[in-house]
Protein backbone atom coordinates (compact mmCIF):
# COMPACT_ATOMS: atom_id res chain seq x y z
CA MET A 1 154.36 180.91 284.56
CA THR A 2 156.95 179.63 287.01
CA ASP A 3 160.61 179.06 286.21
CA ASN A 4 160.13 175.35 285.57
CA GLN A 5 157.03 175.49 283.39
CA ILE A 6 156.42 176.19 279.76
CA ASP A 7 152.92 177.43 279.11
CA ASN A 8 150.50 175.42 277.02
CA LEU A 9 150.64 177.87 274.14
CA HIS A 10 154.35 177.21 273.64
CA ILE A 11 153.90 173.46 274.03
CA ASN A 12 151.16 173.52 271.39
CA LEU A 13 153.32 175.58 269.03
CA ILE A 14 156.19 173.09 269.35
CA GLN A 15 153.86 170.13 268.83
CA ASP A 16 152.24 171.76 265.79
CA TYR A 17 155.66 172.45 264.26
CA LEU A 18 156.80 168.87 264.83
CA LEU A 19 153.63 167.38 263.40
CA ALA A 20 153.71 169.68 260.36
CA ASN A 21 157.34 168.81 259.63
CA PHE A 22 157.40 165.19 260.77
CA ASN A 23 157.36 163.81 257.23
CA ILE A 24 160.69 165.14 255.99
CA GLN A 25 161.50 162.28 253.64
CA ASN A 26 160.74 164.22 250.46
CA ILE A 27 162.34 167.59 251.18
CA ASP A 28 165.70 168.72 249.91
CA SER A 29 168.83 168.75 252.05
CA ASP A 30 168.91 172.55 252.37
CA LYS A 31 165.44 172.51 253.93
CA GLN A 32 166.48 169.64 256.20
CA GLN A 33 169.52 171.58 257.37
CA GLU A 34 167.36 174.62 258.03
CA GLN A 35 164.89 172.56 260.06
CA PHE A 36 167.73 170.98 262.03
CA ARG A 37 169.17 174.42 262.85
CA VAL A 38 165.78 175.78 263.96
CA PHE A 39 165.07 172.68 266.04
CA SER A 40 168.52 172.78 267.65
CA LEU A 41 168.33 176.52 268.27
CA LEU A 42 165.04 176.07 270.12
CA PHE A 43 166.70 173.81 272.68
CA GLU A 44 169.89 175.85 272.80
CA THR A 45 167.81 178.91 273.65
CA ILE A 46 165.75 177.11 276.29
CA THR A 47 168.91 175.79 278.00
CA SER A 48 171.14 178.83 277.49
CA GLU A 49 170.84 180.04 281.09
CA GLU A 50 171.72 176.67 282.62
CA SER A 51 175.03 176.08 284.36
CA ILE A 52 175.25 172.61 282.82
CA GLU A 53 177.41 171.91 279.77
CA PHE A 54 175.37 169.99 277.19
CA SER A 55 177.39 167.86 274.80
CA THR A 56 174.51 166.65 272.61
CA LEU A 57 171.11 167.72 271.42
CA PHE A 58 169.75 164.57 273.07
CA SER A 59 170.90 165.82 276.49
CA ARG A 60 169.37 169.26 275.89
CA ILE A 61 166.02 167.73 274.95
CA ALA A 62 166.06 165.32 277.90
CA PHE A 63 166.97 168.08 280.36
CA THR A 64 164.26 170.38 278.99
CA ALA A 65 161.62 167.64 279.21
CA ILE A 66 162.45 166.96 282.85
CA LYS A 67 162.89 170.55 283.99
CA TYR A 68 159.74 171.86 282.34
CA ASN A 69 157.62 168.73 282.88
CA LEU A 70 156.85 168.42 279.17
CA PRO A 71 154.17 165.92 278.21
CA GLY A 72 155.55 162.47 277.38
CA ARG A 73 154.09 162.63 273.87
CA LEU A 74 155.96 165.87 273.15
CA ASN A 75 159.21 164.43 274.52
CA TYR A 76 158.77 161.38 272.28
CA GLN A 77 158.10 163.60 269.25
CA ASN A 78 161.15 165.75 270.02
CA HIS A 79 163.48 162.76 270.16
CA LYS A 80 161.96 161.05 267.12
CA TYR A 81 162.26 164.27 265.11
CA ARG A 82 165.86 164.71 266.31
CA ARG A 83 166.77 161.16 265.26
CA ILE A 84 165.19 161.61 261.81
CA LEU A 85 166.98 164.90 261.21
CA GLU A 86 170.32 163.65 262.52
CA LYS A 87 170.13 160.52 260.41
CA LYS A 88 169.12 162.39 257.25
CA ASP A 89 171.53 165.29 257.74
CA ARG A 90 174.59 163.64 259.21
CA SER A 91 176.27 163.38 255.83
CA THR A 92 175.32 166.90 254.70
CA LEU A 93 175.76 168.99 257.85
CA ASP A 94 179.01 170.81 258.40
CA ASP A 95 181.19 169.42 261.18
CA ASP A 96 180.98 172.86 262.80
CA ILE A 97 177.21 172.59 263.19
CA LEU A 98 177.47 169.17 264.82
CA TYR A 99 180.25 170.38 267.08
CA ARG A 100 178.20 173.33 268.36
CA LEU A 101 175.39 171.01 269.50
């Protein structure tokens, strides 16, 4: 695997997670917060070695998609999942969590 590729196994794992958790309408807010933290941490970890300062989760996802040539479908799912979680959790997440993104 080169520096700007993510192997298919990892792409499939991310896609499977997103598809399994895509319907988050009926889960409690604690579970939503947990999912948001895991999802955010994934992109924080992927971009941790970069010399760029990311101000939003959107920018981390976009950068990751471009750098690692992620499939368009996965990029779409990442952003859709992010929007759902941010919309659902905005009122329940601590300001500190939002600030760290």
